[in-house]
Amino acid sequence: MENTKKVYEINETGRDVFIKSLQEPIDFMKSYEDILVKIFFYGNLPREKASELIEQLIKDTNKKIEDLKKLEIKIKDKAEKFEISTLYFGIDHLKFMADWYEKFLNDLNKKM
């Protein structure tokens, strides 16, 4: 049985649309899979642009961490254990993501 694997190519118009979408800032509240898909293709952008977008992602993520910490102060004495635990999960998850983005950005900038 012959391997009939389909191979697709992107045309110039498609490439232009694709690059334009890559250059838009990442919505840090999307799933991490959506974020990683965009980062995966950042090799198609100038390094300076990719670096700028990742810096913005880090700022947005850190801002959300600060917002959640302020919320923690307001609710920790009133919230049930399960409720506050989900807030802590969110904070820890965002911290991990911000740290990962920082490491990636540092590595990217070393290669510039």
C-alpha atoms as a PDB file:
ATOM      1  CA  MET A   1       0.000   0.000   0.000  1.00  0.00           C
ATOM      2  CA  GLU A   2       1.472   3.325  -1.076  1.00  0.00           C
ATOM      3  CA  ASN A   3       1.788   6.144   1.422  1.00  0.00           C
ATOM      4  CA  THR A   4      -0.515   8.874   0.106  1.00  0.00           C
ATOM      5  CA  LYS A   5       0.355  11.590   2.552  1.00  0.00           C
ATOM      6  CA  LYS A   6      -1.040  14.966   1.578  1.00  0.00           C
ATOM      7  CA  VAL A   7       1.365  17.888   1.566  1.00  0.00           C
ATOM      8  CA  TYR A   8       0.015  21.401   1.815  1.00  0.00           C
ATOM      9  CA  GLU A   9       1.754  24.655   1.010  1.00  0.00           C
ATOM     10  CA  ILE A  10       0.834  28.135   2.089  1.00  0.00           C
ATOM     11  CA  ASN A  11       0.362  30.731  -0.635  1.00  0.00           C
ATOM     12  CA  GLU A  12       1.587  34.328  -0.377  1.00  0.00           C
ATOM     13  CA  THR A  13      -1.795  35.697   0.729  1.00  0.00           C
ATOM     14  CA  GLY A  14      -2.096  33.020   3.392  1.00  0.00           C
ATOM     15  CA  ARG A  15       1.429  33.719   4.588  1.00  0.00           C
ATOM     16  CA  ASP A  16       0.670  37.448   4.877  1.00  0.00           C
ATOM     17  CA  VAL A  17      -2.452  36.752   6.951  1.00  0.00           C
ATOM     18  CA  PHE A  18      -0.521  34.250   9.088  1.00  0.00           C
ATOM     19  CA  ILE A  19       2.347  36.678   9.795  1.00  0.00           C
ATOM     20  CA  LYS A  20      -0.108  39.474  10.591  1.00  0.00           C
ATOM     21  CA  SER A  21      -1.873  37.222  13.129  1.00  0.00           C
ATOM     22  CA  LEU A  22       1.473  36.309  14.726  1.00  0.00           C
ATOM     23  CA  GLN A  23       2.286  39.982  15.215  1.00  0.00           C
ATOM     24  CA  GLU A  24      -0.806  40.603  17.315  1.00  0.00           C
ATOM     25  CA  PRO A  25      -0.259  40.566  21.090  1.00  0.00           C
ATOM     26  CA  ILE A  26      -1.077  37.304  22.834  1.00  0.00           C
ATOM     27  CA  ASP A  27      -4.156  37.248  25.031  1.00  0.00           C
ATOM     28  CA  PHE A  28      -2.502  35.775  28.116  1.00  0.00           C
ATOM     29  CA  MET A  29      -5.850  34.513  29.406  1.00  0.00           C
ATOM     30  CA  LYS A  30      -6.196  32.073  26.514  1.00  0.00           C
ATOM     31  CA  SER A  31      -5.263  28.480  27.157  1.00  0.00           C
ATOM     32  CA  TYR A  32      -1.563  27.787  27.333  1.00  0.00           C
ATOM     33  CA  GLU A  33      -1.927  25.600  24.239  1.00  0.00           C
ATOM     34  CA  ASP A  34      -3.112  28.630  22.240  1.00  0.00           C
ATOM     35  CA  ILE A  35      -0.207  30.666  23.567  1.00  0.00           C
ATOM     36  CA  LEU A  36       2.350  27.960  22.784  1.00  0.00           C
ATOM     37  CA  VAL A  37       1.033  27.577  19.238  1.00  0.00           C
ATOM     38  CA  LYS A  38       1.724  31.245  18.626  1.00  0.00           C
ATOM     39  CA  ILE A  39       5.178  31.081  20.232  1.00  0.00           C
ATOM     40  CA  PHE A  40       5.953  27.955  18.187  1.00  0.00           C
ATOM     41  CA  PHE A  41       5.633  30.014  15.005  1.00  0.00           C
ATOM     42  CA  TYR A  42       7.469  33.118  16.254  1.00  0.00           C
ATOM     43  CA  GLY A  43      10.469  31.949  14.233  1.00  0.00           C
ATOM     44  CA  ASN A  44       8.609  33.467  11.278  1.00  0.00           C
ATOM     45  CA  LEU A  45       8.861  36.941  12.837  1.00  0.00           C
ATOM     46  CA  PRO A  46      11.870  39.190  13.249  1.00  0.00           C
ATOM     47  CA  ARG A  47      13.457  38.355  16.608  1.00  0.00           C
ATOM     48  CA  GLU A  48      12.929  41.897  17.859  1.00  0.00           C
ATOM     49  CA  LYS A  49       9.170  41.630  17.234  1.00  0.00           C
ATOM     50  CA  ALA A  50       8.967  38.196  18.881  1.00  0.00           C
ATOM     51  CA  SER A  51      10.910  39.535  21.860  1.00  0.00           C
ATOM     52  CA  GLU A  52       8.593  42.545  22.126  1.00  0.00           C
ATOM     53  CA  LEU A  53       5.494  40.332  22.074  1.00  0.00           C
ATOM     54  CA  ILE A  54       6.893  38.030  24.753  1.00  0.00           C
ATOM     55  CA  GLU A  55       7.811  41.028  26.931  1.00  0.00           C
ATOM     56  CA  GLN A  56       4.219  42.245  26.671  1.00  0.00           C
ATOM     57  CA  LEU A  57       2.955  38.768  27.546  1.00  0.00           C
ATOM     58  CA  ILE A  58       5.150  38.775  30.665  1.00  0.00           C
ATOM     59  CA  LYS A  59       3.860  42.210  31.710  1.00  0.00           C
ATOM     60  CA  ASP A  60       0.235  41.165  31.195  1.00  0.00           C
ATOM     61  CA  THR A  61       0.738  37.928  33.124  1.00  0.00           C
ATOM     62  CA  ASN A  62       2.463  39.699  36.032  1.00  0.00           C
ATOM     63  CA  LYS A  63      -0.332  42.288  36.158  1.00  0.00           C
ATOM     64  CA  LYS A  64      -2.901  39.496  36.456  1.00  0.00           C
ATOM     65  CA  ILE A  65      -0.850  37.890  39.256  1.00  0.00           C
ATOM     66  CA  GLU A  66      -0.895  41.192  41.149  1.00  0.00           C
ATOM     67  CA  ASP A  67      -4.653  41.524  40.606  1.00  0.00           C
ATOM     68  CA  LEU A  68      -5.214  38.023  41.994  1.00  0.00           C
ATOM     69  CA  LYS A  69      -3.013  38.752  45.018  1.00  0.00           C
ATOM     70  CA  LYS A  70      -5.132  41.830  45.755  1.00  0.00           C
ATOM     71  CA  LEU A  71      -8.232  39.668  45.486  1.00  0.00           C
ATOM     72  CA  GLU A  72      -6.664  37.174  47.898  1.00  0.00           C
ATOM     73  CA  ILE A  73      -6.260  39.908  50.522  1.00  0.00           C
ATOM     74  CA  LYS A  74      -9.926  40.844  50.168  1.00  0.00           C
ATOM     75  CA  ILE A  75     -11.394  37.348  50.347  1.00  0.00           C
ATOM     76  CA  LYS A  76      -9.026  35.047  52.215  1.00  0.00           C
ATOM     77  CA  ASP A  77     -10.758  35.486  55.577  1.00  0.00           C
ATOM     78  CA  LYS A  78     -14.213  34.942  54.053  1.00  0.00           C
ATOM     79  CA  ALA A  79     -13.540  32.266  51.443  1.00  0.00           C
ATOM     80  CA  GLU A  80     -13.933  28.563  52.024  1.00  0.00           C
ATOM     81  CA  LYS A  81     -10.876  26.308  51.718  1.00  0.00           C
ATOM     82  CA  PHE A  82     -11.912  25.032  48.280  1.00  0.00           C
ATOM     83  CA  GLU A  83     -12.602  28.528  46.973  1.00  0.00           C
ATOM     84  CA  ILE A  84      -9.318  30.032  48.119  1.00  0.00           C
ATOM     85  CA  SER A  85      -7.439  26.966  46.869  1.00  0.00           C
ATOM     86  CA  THR A  86      -8.589  27.630  43.314  1.00  0.00           C
ATOM     87  CA  LEU A  87      -7.326  31.202  43.618  1.00  0.00           C
ATOM     88  CA  TYR A  88      -3.941  29.904  44.812  1.00  0.00           C
ATOM     89  CA  PHE A  89      -3.861  27.501  41.882  1.00  0.00           C
ATOM     90  CA  GLY A  90      -4.465  30.396  39.490  1.00  0.00           C
ATOM     91  CA  ILE A  91      -1.708  32.477  41.067  1.00  0.00           C
ATOM     92  CA  ASP A  92       0.767  29.578  41.031  1.00  0.00           C
ATOM     93  CA  HIS A  93      -0.123  28.681  37.450  1.00  0.00           C
ATOM     94  CA  LEU A  94       0.388  32.253  36.249  1.00  0.00           C
ATOM     95  CA  LYS A  95       3.694  32.487  38.165  1.00  0.00           C
ATOM     96  CA  PHE A  96       4.917  29.336  36.432  1.00  0.00           C
ATOM     97  CA  MET A  97       3.898  30.750  33.060  1.00  0.00           C
ATOM     98  CA  ALA A  98       5.577  34.124  33.718  1.00  0.00           C
ATOM     99  CA  ASP A  99       8.782  32.358  34.826  1.00  0.00           C
ATOM    100  CA  TRP A 100       8.756  30.171  31.718  1.00  0.00           C
ATOM    101  CA  TYR A 101       8.239  33.188  29.443  1.00  0.00           C
ATOM    102  CA  GLU A 102      11.104  35.011  31.210  1.00  0.00           C
ATOM    103  CA  LYS A 103      13.473  32.067  30.734  1.00  0.00           C
ATOM    104  CA  PHE A 104      12.448  31.760  27.098  1.00  0.00           C
ATOM    105  CA  LEU A 105      12.922  35.500  26.516  1.00  0.00           C
ATOM    106  CA  ASN A 106      16.363  35.452  28.168  1.00  0.00           C
ATOM    107  CA  ASP A 107      17.390  32.514  25.992  1.00  0.00           C
ATOM    108  CA  LEU A 108      16.027  34.231  22.892  1.00  0.00           C
ATOM    109  CA  ASN A 109      17.877  37.456  23.684  1.00  0.00           C
ATOM    110  CA  LYS A 110      21.165  35.575  24.211  1.00  0.00           C
ATOM    111  CA  LYS A 111      20.922  34.343  20.624  1.00  0.00           C
ATOM    112  CA  MET A 112      20.239  37.810  19.176  1.00  0.00           C
END
